Structures are given as C-alpha cells and as structure tokens.
C-alpha cells in the first residue's frame, strides 16, 4: 500500500480549501469563478501578464541565439588555428 507524503497531503488539502472557498463565495456573495475571470480588470491584468511573458520569452530566445552564434564563432576560430 502506498503511503502519502506530507507534501502530497498538503497539495490535496490546498485543492480542497480552494474548492471550499469557491463554494462559499458562490453561496454567500453570489460570485462565481466564471464571473470573476470574465471581469474587465482580470482580463486587463491577464493581458499585461501575457504581454510581459511574451517579451521575456522573446528576450530569452535572442540571448540563446546570441550564445549559439558566439559558441559557433569560438569553435570556428579554434579549428582554424
């Protein structure tokens, strides 16, 4: 029989707490997760995060291309000596 570690129990507990919190939000405040996600504020924040991630990803790719070119140049200079 497989025993659960404290880490996996903590993860399951966190998921259950989130589900309970969502049910309580719906019951007491008549808020649904769908309404929150569709709100303009959340959409604006998501747009900013998405844009930031795309910019950082592009920058990372440029750095990797630069390093690849630098390594290729170093290899060429070492083999031509």
N, C-alpha and C. Protein backbone atom coordinates (compact mmCIF):
# COMPACT_ATOMS: atom_id res chain seq x y z
N UNK A 1 0.84 -1.18 0.00
CA UNK A 1 0.00 0.00 0.00
C UNK A 1 0.89 1.24 0.00
N UNK A 2 0.56 2.17 -0.84
CA UNK A 2 1.37 3.38 -0.98
C UNK A 2 0.97 4.41 0.07
N UNK A 3 1.97 4.96 0.70
CA UNK A 3 1.71 5.99 1.71
C UNK A 3 1.91 7.37 1.09
N UNK A 4 1.05 8.28 1.49
CA UNK A 4 1.17 9.64 1.00
C UNK A 4 2.17 10.41 1.86
N UNK A 5 2.97 11.21 1.21
CA UNK A 5 3.91 12.03 1.95
C UNK A 5 3.19 13.28 2.44
N UNK A 6 3.83 14.00 3.33
CA UNK A 6 3.24 15.24 3.83
C UNK A 6 3.04 16.24 2.72
N UNK A 7 3.94 16.22 1.75
CA UNK A 7 3.85 17.17 0.64
C UNK A 7 2.59 16.92 -0.19
N UNK A 8 2.28 15.66 -0.50
CA UNK A 8 1.10 15.37 -1.30
C UNK A 8 -0.17 15.62 -0.50
N UNK A 9 -0.13 15.39 0.80
CA UNK A 9 -1.29 15.71 1.62
C UNK A 9 -1.53 17.21 1.65
N UNK A 10 -0.47 17.98 1.71
CA UNK A 10 -0.61 19.43 1.70
C UNK A 10 -1.19 19.93 0.39
N UNK A 11 -0.82 19.30 -0.71
CA UNK A 11 -1.35 19.69 -2.01
C UNK A 11 -2.83 19.37 -2.10
N UNK A 12 -3.22 18.19 -1.65
CA UNK A 12 -4.64 17.82 -1.68
C UNK A 12 -5.45 18.72 -0.76
N UNK A 13 -4.88 19.05 0.40
CA UNK A 13 -5.56 19.94 1.33
C UNK A 13 -5.75 21.33 0.71
N UNK A 14 -4.75 21.80 -0.01
CA UNK A 14 -4.85 23.11 -0.66
C UNK A 14 -5.95 23.10 -1.72
N UNK A 15 -6.01 22.05 -2.52
CA UNK A 15 -7.06 21.95 -3.54
C UNK A 15 -8.44 21.94 -2.89
N UNK A 16 -8.59 21.17 -1.83
CA UNK A 16 -9.88 21.12 -1.14
C UNK A 16 -10.25 22.48 -0.55
N UNK A 17 -9.28 23.19 0.01
CA UNK A 17 -9.56 24.53 0.57
C UNK A 17 -9.98 25.51 -0.51
N UNK A 18 -9.36 25.42 -1.67
CA UNK A 18 -9.75 26.30 -2.79
C UNK A 18 -11.17 25.99 -3.24
N UNK A 19 -11.50 24.72 -3.34
CA UNK A 19 -12.86 24.34 -3.75
C UNK A 19 -13.88 24.81 -2.72
N UNK A 20 -13.58 24.64 -1.44
CA UNK A 20 -14.49 25.10 -0.39
C UNK A 20 -14.64 26.61 -0.43
N UNK A 21 -13.53 27.33 -0.65
CA UNK A 21 -13.59 28.79 -0.74
C UNK A 21 -14.47 29.23 -1.92
N UNK A 22 -14.35 28.55 -3.05
CA UNK A 22 -15.18 28.91 -4.22
C UNK A 22 -16.65 28.65 -3.95
N UNK A 23 -16.96 27.55 -3.27
CA UNK A 23 -18.35 27.24 -2.93
C UNK A 23 -18.89 28.29 -1.97
N UNK A 24 -18.09 28.69 -0.99
CA UNK A 24 -18.54 29.71 -0.04
C UNK A 24 -18.73 31.07 -0.72
N UNK A 25 -17.85 31.41 -1.66
CA UNK A 25 -18.03 32.66 -2.41
C UNK A 25 -19.35 32.66 -3.17
N UNK A 26 -19.66 31.54 -3.78
CA UNK A 26 -20.90 31.43 -4.54
C UNK A 26 -22.10 31.51 -3.60
N UNK A 27 -22.02 30.84 -2.46
CA UNK A 27 -23.15 30.77 -1.54
C UNK A 27 -23.41 32.11 -0.84
N UNK A 28 -22.35 32.73 -0.30
CA UNK A 28 -22.55 33.94 0.49
C UNK A 28 -22.58 35.22 -0.34
N UNK A 29 -21.78 35.30 -1.39
CA UNK A 29 -21.67 36.54 -2.15
C UNK A 29 -22.21 36.43 -3.57
N UNK A 30 -22.72 35.28 -3.93
CA UNK A 30 -23.24 35.02 -5.27
C UNK A 30 -22.21 35.35 -6.35
N UNK A 31 -20.96 35.02 -6.07
CA UNK A 31 -19.88 35.22 -7.03
C UNK A 31 -19.48 33.86 -7.60
N UNK A 32 -19.28 33.83 -8.89
CA UNK A 32 -18.78 32.59 -9.49
C UNK A 32 -17.41 32.86 -10.08
N UNK A 33 -16.64 31.82 -10.19
CA UNK A 33 -15.31 31.94 -10.76
C UNK A 33 -15.38 32.43 -12.20
N UNK A 34 -16.39 32.00 -12.91
CA UNK A 34 -16.59 32.43 -14.29
C UNK A 34 -16.80 33.94 -14.39
N UNK A 35 -17.61 34.49 -13.47
CA UNK A 35 -17.84 35.94 -13.46
C UNK A 35 -16.56 36.70 -13.16
N UNK A 36 -15.76 36.17 -12.23
CA UNK A 36 -14.50 36.83 -11.87
C UNK A 36 -13.54 36.81 -13.04
N UNK A 37 -13.42 35.67 -13.70
CA UNK A 37 -12.49 35.55 -14.82
C UNK A 37 -12.90 36.44 -15.99
N UNK A 38 -14.20 36.58 -16.20
CA UNK A 38 -14.68 37.40 -17.32
C UNK A 38 -14.67 38.90 -17.02
N UNK A 39 -14.38 39.30 -15.79
CA UNK A 39 -14.38 40.73 -15.46
C UNK A 39 -13.27 41.46 -16.22
N UNK A 40 -13.50 42.72 -16.49
CA UNK A 40 -12.57 43.52 -17.28
C UNK A 40 -11.22 43.69 -16.58
N UNK A 41 -11.24 43.82 -15.26
CA UNK A 41 -10.00 44.00 -14.51
C UNK A 41 -9.10 42.77 -14.67
N UNK A 42 -9.67 41.59 -14.52
CA UNK A 42 -8.90 40.36 -14.66
C UNK A 42 -8.39 40.22 -16.09
N UNK A 43 -9.22 40.57 -17.06
CA UNK A 43 -8.79 40.50 -18.46
C UNK A 43 -7.63 41.45 -18.73
N UNK A 44 -7.68 42.65 -18.17
CA UNK A 44 -6.58 43.62 -18.34
C UNK A 44 -5.29 43.11 -17.69
N UNK A 45 -5.40 42.58 -16.49
CA UNK A 45 -4.22 42.05 -15.80
C UNK A 45 -3.64 40.88 -16.57
N UNK A 46 -4.51 39.99 -17.05
CA UNK A 46 -4.05 38.83 -17.83
C UNK A 46 -3.34 39.29 -19.10
N UNK A 47 -3.86 40.33 -19.73
CA UNK A 47 -3.24 40.86 -20.94
C UNK A 47 -1.83 41.39 -20.65
N UNK A 48 -1.67 42.07 -19.53
CA UNK A 48 -0.36 42.59 -19.15
C UNK A 48 0.61 41.43 -18.86
N UNK A 49 0.15 40.43 -18.12
CA UNK A 49 1.00 39.28 -17.80
C UNK A 49 1.40 38.54 -19.07
N UNK A 50 0.45 38.35 -19.97
CA UNK A 50 0.72 37.65 -21.23
C UNK A 50 1.74 38.42 -22.06
N UNK A 51 1.57 39.72 -22.13
CA UNK A 51 2.48 40.56 -22.89
C UNK A 51 3.89 40.53 -22.28
N UNK A 52 3.98 40.58 -20.96
CA UNK A 52 5.26 40.52 -20.27
C UNK A 52 5.94 39.17 -20.53
N UNK A 53 5.18 38.09 -20.45
CA UNK A 53 5.73 36.77 -20.70
C UNK A 53 6.25 36.65 -22.13
N UNK A 54 5.49 37.16 -23.09
CA UNK A 54 5.92 37.11 -24.49
C UNK A 54 7.20 37.91 -24.71
N UNK A 55 7.30 39.06 -24.07
CA UNK A 55 8.50 39.88 -24.18
C UNK A 55 9.71 39.17 -23.57
N UNK A 56 9.52 38.60 -22.38
CA UNK A 56 10.63 37.89 -21.73
C UNK A 56 11.03 36.66 -22.52
N UNK A 57 10.07 35.96 -23.10
CA UNK A 57 10.36 34.78 -23.90
C UNK A 57 11.17 35.18 -25.14
N UNK A 58 10.76 36.26 -25.80
CA UNK A 58 11.50 36.76 -26.96
C UNK A 58 12.91 37.15 -26.59
N UNK A 59 13.08 37.80 -25.45
CA UNK A 59 14.40 38.19 -24.99
C UNK A 59 15.26 36.96 -24.70
N UNK A 60 14.68 35.95 -24.08
CA UNK A 60 15.40 34.72 -23.80
C UNK A 60 15.86 34.05 -25.10
N UNK A 61 14.99 34.02 -26.09
CA UNK A 61 15.36 33.43 -27.38
C UNK A 61 16.48 34.21 -28.06
N UNK A 62 16.45 35.54 -27.95
CA UNK A 62 17.52 36.36 -28.52
C UNK A 62 18.85 36.07 -27.82
N UNK A 63 18.82 35.94 -26.51
CA UNK A 63 20.04 35.63 -25.75
C UNK A 63 20.58 34.26 -26.16
N UNK A 64 19.70 33.28 -26.29
CA UNK A 64 20.14 31.95 -26.70
C UNK A 64 20.72 31.95 -28.11
N UNK A 65 20.11 32.70 -29.04
CA UNK A 65 20.66 32.82 -30.38
C UNK A 65 22.04 33.47 -30.36
N UNK A 66 22.20 34.50 -29.54
CA UNK A 66 23.48 35.17 -29.41
C UNK A 66 24.54 34.21 -28.88
N UNK A 67 24.18 33.44 -27.85
CA UNK A 67 25.14 32.49 -27.28
C UNK A 67 25.50 31.39 -28.28
N UNK A 68 24.52 30.92 -29.05
CA UNK A 68 24.80 29.91 -30.07
C UNK A 68 25.78 30.46 -31.11
N UNK A 69 25.55 31.69 -31.54
CA UNK A 69 26.44 32.31 -32.53
C UNK A 69 27.84 32.51 -31.93
N UNK A 70 27.89 32.90 -30.68
CA UNK A 70 29.17 33.11 -30.01
C UNK A 70 29.95 31.80 -29.90
N UNK A 71 29.27 30.73 -29.55
CA UNK A 71 29.91 29.42 -29.44
C UNK A 71 30.37 28.94 -30.81
N UNK A 72 29.53 29.14 -31.82
CA UNK A 72 29.91 28.73 -33.17
C UNK A 72 31.14 29.51 -33.65
N UNK A 73 31.20 30.79 -33.35
CA UNK A 73 32.35 31.61 -33.72
C UNK A 73 33.60 31.14 -32.98
N UNK A 74 33.45 30.83 -31.71
CA UNK A 74 34.59 30.35 -30.93
C UNK A 74 35.09 29.01 -31.46
N UNK A 75 34.18 28.12 -31.85
CA UNK A 75 34.58 26.82 -32.41
C UNK A 75 35.32 27.04 -33.74
N UNK A 76 34.80 27.93 -34.57
CA UNK A 76 35.44 28.19 -35.87
C UNK A 76 36.84 28.76 -35.67
N UNK A 77 36.99 29.67 -34.73
CA UNK A 77 38.30 30.28 -34.53
C UNK A 77 39.30 29.27 -33.94
N UNK A 78 38.82 28.33 -33.15
CA UNK A 78 39.70 27.32 -32.58
C UNK A 78 40.11 26.27 -33.62
N UNK A 79 39.21 25.96 -34.54
CA UNK A 79 39.52 24.92 -35.55
C UNK A 79 40.38 25.48 -36.68
N UNK A 80 40.40 26.79 -36.91
CA UNK A 80 41.18 27.38 -37.99
C UNK A 80 42.57 27.78 -37.55
N UNK A 81 42.95 27.52 -36.32
CA UNK A 81 44.29 27.91 -35.86
C UNK A 81 45.31 26.91 -36.21
